[in-house]
N, C-alpha and C. Protein backbone atom coordinates (compact mmCIF):
# COMPACT_ATOMS: atom_id res chain seq x y z
N GLN A 1 -0.22 -9.30 12.42
CA GLN A 1 -1.22 -8.29 12.33
C GLN A 1 -0.58 -7.01 11.67
N LEU A 2 -1.36 -6.44 10.82
CA LEU A 2 -0.89 -5.22 10.09
C LEU A 2 -1.84 -4.07 10.51
N GLN A 3 -1.17 -2.91 10.67
CA GLN A 3 -1.90 -1.66 11.08
C GLN A 3 -1.53 -0.58 10.07
N ALA A 4 -2.58 -0.23 9.30
CA ALA A 4 -2.34 0.83 8.22
C ALA A 4 -2.76 2.13 8.82
N SER A 5 -2.12 3.22 8.29
CA SER A 5 -2.47 4.60 8.72
C SER A 5 -1.97 5.50 7.62
N GLY A 6 -2.41 6.75 7.74
CA GLY A 6 -1.95 7.84 6.82
C GLY A 6 -3.01 8.32 5.83
N GLY A 7 -4.14 7.72 5.78
CA GLY A 7 -5.07 8.17 4.90
C GLY A 7 -5.75 9.52 5.24
N GLY A 8 -6.51 10.10 4.33
CA GLY A 8 -7.14 11.30 4.68
C GLY A 8 -7.73 11.94 3.42
N LEU A 9 -8.10 13.25 3.53
CA LEU A 9 -8.65 14.07 2.46
C LEU A 9 -7.59 14.92 1.96
N VAL A 10 -7.46 14.90 0.61
CA VAL A 10 -6.40 15.79 -0.04
C VAL A 10 -7.02 16.26 -1.36
N GLN A 11 -6.54 17.44 -1.75
CA GLN A 11 -7.00 17.96 -3.04
C GLN A 11 -6.15 17.30 -4.20
N ALA A 12 -6.81 17.31 -5.32
CA ALA A 12 -6.09 16.75 -6.47
C ALA A 12 -4.75 17.46 -6.64
N GLY A 13 -3.69 16.65 -6.98
CA GLY A 13 -2.41 17.18 -7.20
C GLY A 13 -1.57 17.08 -5.88
N GLY A 14 -2.22 16.82 -4.76
CA GLY A 14 -1.53 16.74 -3.46
C GLY A 14 -0.85 15.35 -3.29
N SER A 15 -0.34 15.20 -2.01
CA SER A 15 0.38 14.01 -1.68
C SER A 15 -0.06 13.47 -0.32
N LEU A 16 0.15 12.18 -0.19
CA LEU A 16 -0.15 11.51 1.11
C LEU A 16 0.91 10.40 1.21
N ARG A 17 1.25 9.95 2.40
CA ARG A 17 2.08 8.80 2.64
C ARG A 17 1.38 7.90 3.57
N LEU A 18 1.14 6.71 3.10
CA LEU A 18 0.53 5.58 3.88
C LEU A 18 1.67 4.73 4.52
N SER A 19 1.28 4.39 5.68
CA SER A 19 2.26 3.46 6.37
C SER A 19 1.42 2.20 6.87
N CYS A 20 2.26 1.12 6.92
CA CYS A 20 1.60 -0.12 7.36
C CYS A 20 2.62 -0.88 8.20
N ALA A 21 2.37 -1.00 9.49
CA ALA A 21 3.36 -1.54 10.44
C ALA A 21 2.84 -3.03 10.77
N ALA A 22 3.78 -3.96 10.75
CA ALA A 22 3.47 -5.32 11.20
C ALA A 22 3.81 -5.50 12.67
N SER A 23 2.95 -6.17 13.41
CA SER A 23 3.13 -6.32 14.81
C SER A 23 4.29 -7.32 15.16
N GLY A 24 4.55 -8.20 14.20
CA GLY A 24 5.69 -9.17 14.39
C GLY A 24 6.84 -8.96 13.32
N SER A 25 7.81 -9.76 13.42
CA SER A 25 8.91 -9.57 12.52
C SER A 25 8.53 -10.08 11.14
N ILE A 26 9.08 -9.40 10.17
CA ILE A 26 8.93 -9.86 8.75
C ILE A 26 10.19 -10.60 8.33
N PHE A 27 10.10 -11.86 7.98
CA PHE A 27 11.33 -12.53 7.64
C PHE A 27 11.09 -13.47 6.44
N GLY A 28 12.20 -13.93 5.87
CA GLY A 28 12.07 -14.88 4.79
C GLY A 28 11.65 -14.21 3.52
N ALA A 29 11.43 -15.03 2.48
CA ALA A 29 10.93 -14.50 1.22
C ALA A 29 9.48 -14.10 1.34
N ASN A 30 9.22 -12.81 1.13
CA ASN A 30 7.88 -12.33 1.33
C ASN A 30 7.56 -11.13 0.40
N VAL A 31 6.36 -10.80 0.32
CA VAL A 31 5.88 -9.62 -0.49
C VAL A 31 5.04 -8.78 0.43
N LEU A 32 5.31 -7.46 0.46
CA LEU A 32 4.47 -6.44 1.09
C LEU A 32 3.72 -5.70 -0.10
N ALA A 33 2.55 -5.53 0.05
CA ALA A 33 1.78 -4.92 -1.02
C ALA A 33 0.74 -3.91 -0.54
N TRP A 34 0.37 -3.03 -1.45
CA TRP A 34 -0.76 -2.18 -1.22
C TRP A 34 -1.92 -2.51 -2.28
N TYR A 35 -3.06 -2.65 -1.82
CA TYR A 35 -4.21 -2.76 -2.69
C TYR A 35 -5.14 -1.66 -2.39
N ARG A 36 -6.06 -1.44 -3.31
CA ARG A 36 -7.06 -0.39 -3.04
C ARG A 36 -8.45 -0.90 -3.61
N GLN A 37 -9.51 -0.34 -2.94
CA GLN A 37 -10.80 -0.69 -3.41
C GLN A 37 -11.71 0.50 -3.36
N ALA A 38 -12.06 0.93 -4.58
CA ALA A 38 -12.99 2.09 -4.70
C ALA A 38 -14.41 1.63 -4.48
N GLN A 39 -15.27 2.49 -4.15
CA GLN A 39 -16.63 2.14 -3.90
C GLN A 39 -17.28 1.52 -5.19
N GLY A 40 -17.88 0.37 -5.03
CA GLY A 40 -18.48 -0.25 -6.13
C GLY A 40 -17.56 -1.00 -7.07
N LYS A 41 -16.33 -1.03 -6.74
CA LYS A 41 -15.31 -1.68 -7.61
C LYS A 41 -14.66 -2.83 -6.84
N GLN A 42 -13.99 -3.69 -7.61
CA GLN A 42 -13.21 -4.76 -7.07
C GLN A 42 -11.86 -4.23 -6.48
N ARG A 43 -11.44 -4.98 -5.47
CA ARG A 43 -10.10 -4.55 -4.96
C ARG A 43 -8.96 -4.85 -6.05
N GLU A 44 -8.13 -3.89 -6.16
CA GLU A 44 -6.96 -3.99 -7.19
C GLU A 44 -5.69 -3.82 -6.52
N LEU A 45 -4.72 -4.50 -7.08
CA LEU A 45 -3.32 -4.42 -6.59
C LEU A 45 -2.73 -3.12 -7.08
N VAL A 46 -2.10 -2.36 -6.21
CA VAL A 46 -1.52 -1.10 -6.58
C VAL A 46 0.01 -1.14 -6.72
N ALA A 47 0.63 -1.75 -5.71
CA ALA A 47 2.14 -1.84 -5.69
C ALA A 47 2.59 -2.92 -4.80
N ILE A 48 3.70 -3.58 -5.17
CA ILE A 48 4.34 -4.58 -4.38
C ILE A 48 5.74 -4.26 -4.14
N ALA A 49 6.29 -4.72 -3.01
CA ALA A 49 7.66 -4.61 -2.62
C ALA A 49 8.08 -6.00 -2.14
N VAL A 50 8.98 -6.67 -2.93
CA VAL A 50 9.39 -8.03 -2.59
C VAL A 50 10.63 -7.88 -1.61
N SER A 51 10.76 -8.92 -0.82
CA SER A 51 11.96 -8.92 0.03
C SER A 51 13.29 -8.93 -0.70
N SER A 52 13.27 -9.32 -1.91
CA SER A 52 14.48 -9.26 -2.74
C SER A 52 14.87 -7.88 -3.12
N GLY A 53 13.91 -6.94 -2.99
CA GLY A 53 14.16 -5.48 -3.35
C GLY A 53 13.34 -5.09 -4.59
N ASP A 54 12.80 -6.02 -5.23
CA ASP A 54 12.04 -5.67 -6.39
C ASP A 54 10.74 -4.95 -6.07
N THR A 55 10.34 -4.03 -6.92
CA THR A 55 9.03 -3.43 -6.71
C THR A 55 8.29 -3.40 -8.13
N ASN A 56 6.97 -3.21 -8.04
CA ASN A 56 6.22 -3.15 -9.21
C ASN A 56 4.94 -2.40 -9.00
N TYR A 57 4.30 -1.79 -9.98
CA TYR A 57 3.18 -0.88 -9.78
C TYR A 57 2.15 -1.17 -10.90
N VAL A 58 0.88 -0.97 -10.59
CA VAL A 58 -0.08 -0.94 -11.57
C VAL A 58 0.16 0.28 -12.47
N ASP A 59 -0.18 0.14 -13.73
CA ASP A 59 0.15 1.23 -14.64
C ASP A 59 -0.41 2.63 -14.30
N SER A 60 -1.58 2.56 -13.75
CA SER A 60 -2.25 3.80 -13.45
C SER A 60 -1.54 4.73 -12.37
N VAL A 61 -0.59 4.03 -11.58
CA VAL A 61 0.15 4.86 -10.58
C VAL A 61 1.61 4.94 -10.78
N LYS A 62 2.05 4.43 -11.91
CA LYS A 62 3.50 4.49 -12.22
C LYS A 62 3.87 5.87 -12.44
N GLY A 63 5.05 6.22 -11.77
CA GLY A 63 5.56 7.59 -11.87
C GLY A 63 4.97 8.51 -10.85
N ARG A 64 3.92 8.12 -10.14
CA ARG A 64 3.32 8.95 -9.08
C ARG A 64 3.43 8.34 -7.70
N PHE A 65 3.32 7.05 -7.59
CA PHE A 65 3.39 6.36 -6.28
C PHE A 65 4.69 5.67 -6.18
N THR A 66 5.19 5.60 -4.95
CA THR A 66 6.44 4.83 -4.63
C THR A 66 6.22 4.04 -3.39
N ILE A 67 6.45 2.69 -3.58
CA ILE A 67 6.35 1.78 -2.43
C ILE A 67 7.77 1.53 -1.89
N SER A 68 7.93 1.50 -0.53
CA SER A 68 9.20 1.20 0.06
C SER A 68 8.90 0.44 1.30
N ARG A 69 9.96 -0.19 1.82
CA ARG A 69 9.86 -1.02 3.00
C ARG A 69 11.09 -0.82 3.87
N ASP A 70 10.81 -0.81 5.16
CA ASP A 70 11.83 -0.63 6.21
C ASP A 70 11.71 -1.95 7.01
N ASN A 71 12.63 -2.92 6.69
CA ASN A 71 12.47 -4.22 7.30
C ASN A 71 12.87 -4.11 8.86
N ALA A 72 13.68 -3.16 9.14
CA ALA A 72 14.11 -3.01 10.52
C ALA A 72 12.88 -2.62 11.38
N LYS A 73 12.00 -1.87 10.77
CA LYS A 73 10.74 -1.32 11.42
C LYS A 73 9.58 -2.23 11.12
N ASN A 74 9.74 -3.19 10.29
CA ASN A 74 8.58 -4.06 9.86
C ASN A 74 7.46 -3.22 9.32
N THR A 75 7.80 -2.25 8.42
CA THR A 75 6.89 -1.37 8.00
C THR A 75 7.05 -1.22 6.45
N VAL A 76 5.92 -0.99 5.78
CA VAL A 76 5.89 -0.71 4.31
C VAL A 76 5.15 0.65 4.16
N TYR A 77 5.64 1.41 3.23
CA TYR A 77 5.15 2.74 2.99
C TYR A 77 4.55 2.86 1.52
N LEU A 78 3.65 3.74 1.34
CA LEU A 78 3.20 4.11 0.00
C LEU A 78 3.22 5.64 -0.12
N GLN A 79 4.20 6.24 -0.81
CA GLN A 79 4.19 7.61 -1.05
C GLN A 79 3.38 7.88 -2.30
N MET A 80 2.35 8.64 -2.12
CA MET A 80 1.48 8.93 -3.29
C MET A 80 1.56 10.46 -3.59
N ASN A 81 2.01 10.75 -4.80
CA ASN A 81 2.14 12.13 -5.25
C ASN A 81 1.15 12.34 -6.44
N SER A 82 0.93 13.62 -6.76
CA SER A 82 0.07 13.98 -7.88
C SER A 82 -1.24 13.20 -7.83
N LEU A 83 -1.83 13.20 -6.73
CA LEU A 83 -3.07 12.39 -6.51
C LEU A 83 -4.16 12.92 -7.41
N LYS A 84 -4.99 12.00 -7.86
CA LYS A 84 -6.11 12.26 -8.75
C LYS A 84 -7.41 11.77 -8.10
N PRO A 85 -8.57 12.37 -8.44
CA PRO A 85 -9.83 11.91 -7.86
C PRO A 85 -10.05 10.42 -8.05
N GLU A 86 -9.53 9.84 -9.13
CA GLU A 86 -9.77 8.39 -9.33
C GLU A 86 -8.85 7.51 -8.38
N ASP A 87 -8.01 8.15 -7.57
CA ASP A 87 -7.18 7.44 -6.65
C ASP A 87 -7.99 7.24 -5.35
N THR A 88 -9.15 7.84 -5.30
CA THR A 88 -10.00 7.68 -4.01
C THR A 88 -10.48 6.20 -3.83
N ALA A 89 -10.09 5.76 -2.70
CA ALA A 89 -10.34 4.42 -2.44
C ALA A 89 -10.00 4.05 -0.98
N VAL A 90 -10.39 2.91 -0.44
CA VAL A 90 -9.78 2.39 0.76
C VAL A 90 -8.56 1.60 0.37
N TYR A 91 -7.43 1.96 1.02
CA TYR A 91 -6.20 1.35 0.74
C TYR A 91 -5.83 0.26 1.76
N TYR A 92 -5.49 -0.93 1.37
CA TYR A 92 -5.21 -2.03 2.26
C TYR A 92 -3.77 -2.47 2.05
N CYS A 93 -3.08 -2.80 3.17
CA CYS A 93 -1.76 -3.36 3.02
C CYS A 93 -1.87 -4.91 3.20
N ASN A 94 -0.91 -5.62 2.60
CA ASN A 94 -1.01 -7.09 2.60
C ASN A 94 0.44 -7.63 2.75
N TYR A 95 0.53 -8.66 3.56
CA TYR A 95 1.73 -9.37 3.69
C TYR A 95 1.56 -10.81 3.20
N ARG A 96 2.43 -11.36 2.42
CA ARG A 96 2.39 -12.75 2.07
C ARG A 96 3.74 -13.34 2.05
N HIS A 97 3.89 -14.43 2.72
CA HIS A 97 5.16 -15.19 2.73
C HIS A 97 5.12 -16.09 1.51
N LEU A 98 6.18 -16.03 0.76
CA LEU A 98 6.18 -16.66 -0.60
C LEU A 98 6.32 -18.21 -0.53
N ILE A 99 6.85 -18.69 0.55
CA ILE A 99 6.99 -20.13 0.63
C ILE A 99 5.80 -20.80 1.37
N SER A 100 5.41 -20.30 2.54
CA SER A 100 4.28 -20.85 3.28
C SER A 100 2.92 -20.40 2.74
N GLY A 101 2.88 -19.29 2.06
CA GLY A 101 1.63 -18.68 1.63
C GLY A 101 0.79 -18.00 2.71
N VAL A 102 1.40 -17.94 3.94
CA VAL A 102 0.74 -17.18 4.99
C VAL A 102 0.50 -15.78 4.56
N ASP A 103 -0.71 -15.33 4.86
CA ASP A 103 -1.25 -14.00 4.25
C ASP A 103 -1.96 -13.26 5.32
N PHE A 104 -1.58 -11.94 5.48
CA PHE A 104 -2.28 -11.08 6.44
C PHE A 104 -2.68 -9.79 5.73
N TRP A 105 -3.82 -9.25 6.16
CA TRP A 105 -4.33 -7.94 5.63
C TRP A 105 -4.41 -6.98 6.81
N GLY A 106 -4.13 -5.66 6.41
CA GLY A 106 -4.36 -4.58 7.33
C GLY A 106 -5.87 -4.16 7.23
N GLN A 107 -6.27 -3.32 8.05
CA GLN A 107 -7.69 -2.89 8.22
C GLN A 107 -8.15 -2.01 7.24
N GLY A 108 -7.27 -1.27 6.44
CA GLY A 108 -7.70 -0.36 5.41
C GLY A 108 -7.66 1.01 5.96
N THR A 109 -7.34 1.94 5.07
CA THR A 109 -7.25 3.39 5.42
C THR A 109 -7.82 4.10 4.21
N LEU A 110 -8.72 5.05 4.46
CA LEU A 110 -9.48 5.74 3.40
C LEU A 110 -8.66 6.91 2.89
N VAL A 111 -8.53 6.94 1.56
CA VAL A 111 -7.94 8.08 0.85
C VAL A 111 -9.02 8.75 0.03
N THR A 112 -9.22 9.98 0.15
CA THR A 112 -10.19 10.68 -0.57
C THR A 112 -9.46 11.87 -1.26
N VAL A 113 -9.64 11.96 -2.61
CA VAL A 113 -9.01 13.04 -3.35
C VAL A 113 -10.14 13.87 -4.02
N SER A 114 -10.17 15.13 -3.61
CA SER A 114 -11.21 16.06 -4.11
C SER A 114 -10.69 16.73 -5.34
N SER A 115 -11.60 17.04 -6.23
CA SER A 115 -11.24 17.71 -7.51
C SER A 115 -11.34 19.16 -7.35
């Protein structure tokens, strides 16, 4: 089970940090990711952090968002800087085990960026 937190209302140019904590241990080859879904749009992948240490981002957030993971705390973070109104969405965290395909979603946390 994943529990996301940290969303809120922020002005354009501001920052927020999202957290997503897993209730159990994260082990093996896996990916922790953040997705977002704006109203009326499809869910899109924002950033991934692989257990190997690799990270990747959608082009629209490169240079502004940073994903990180603390395996000791079973937690993944998304530091969001220079926020734009178009970043407004519900943000979801996701865990996927790369071998078994086991997949979990957090409940979502709303980020609203005002202009």
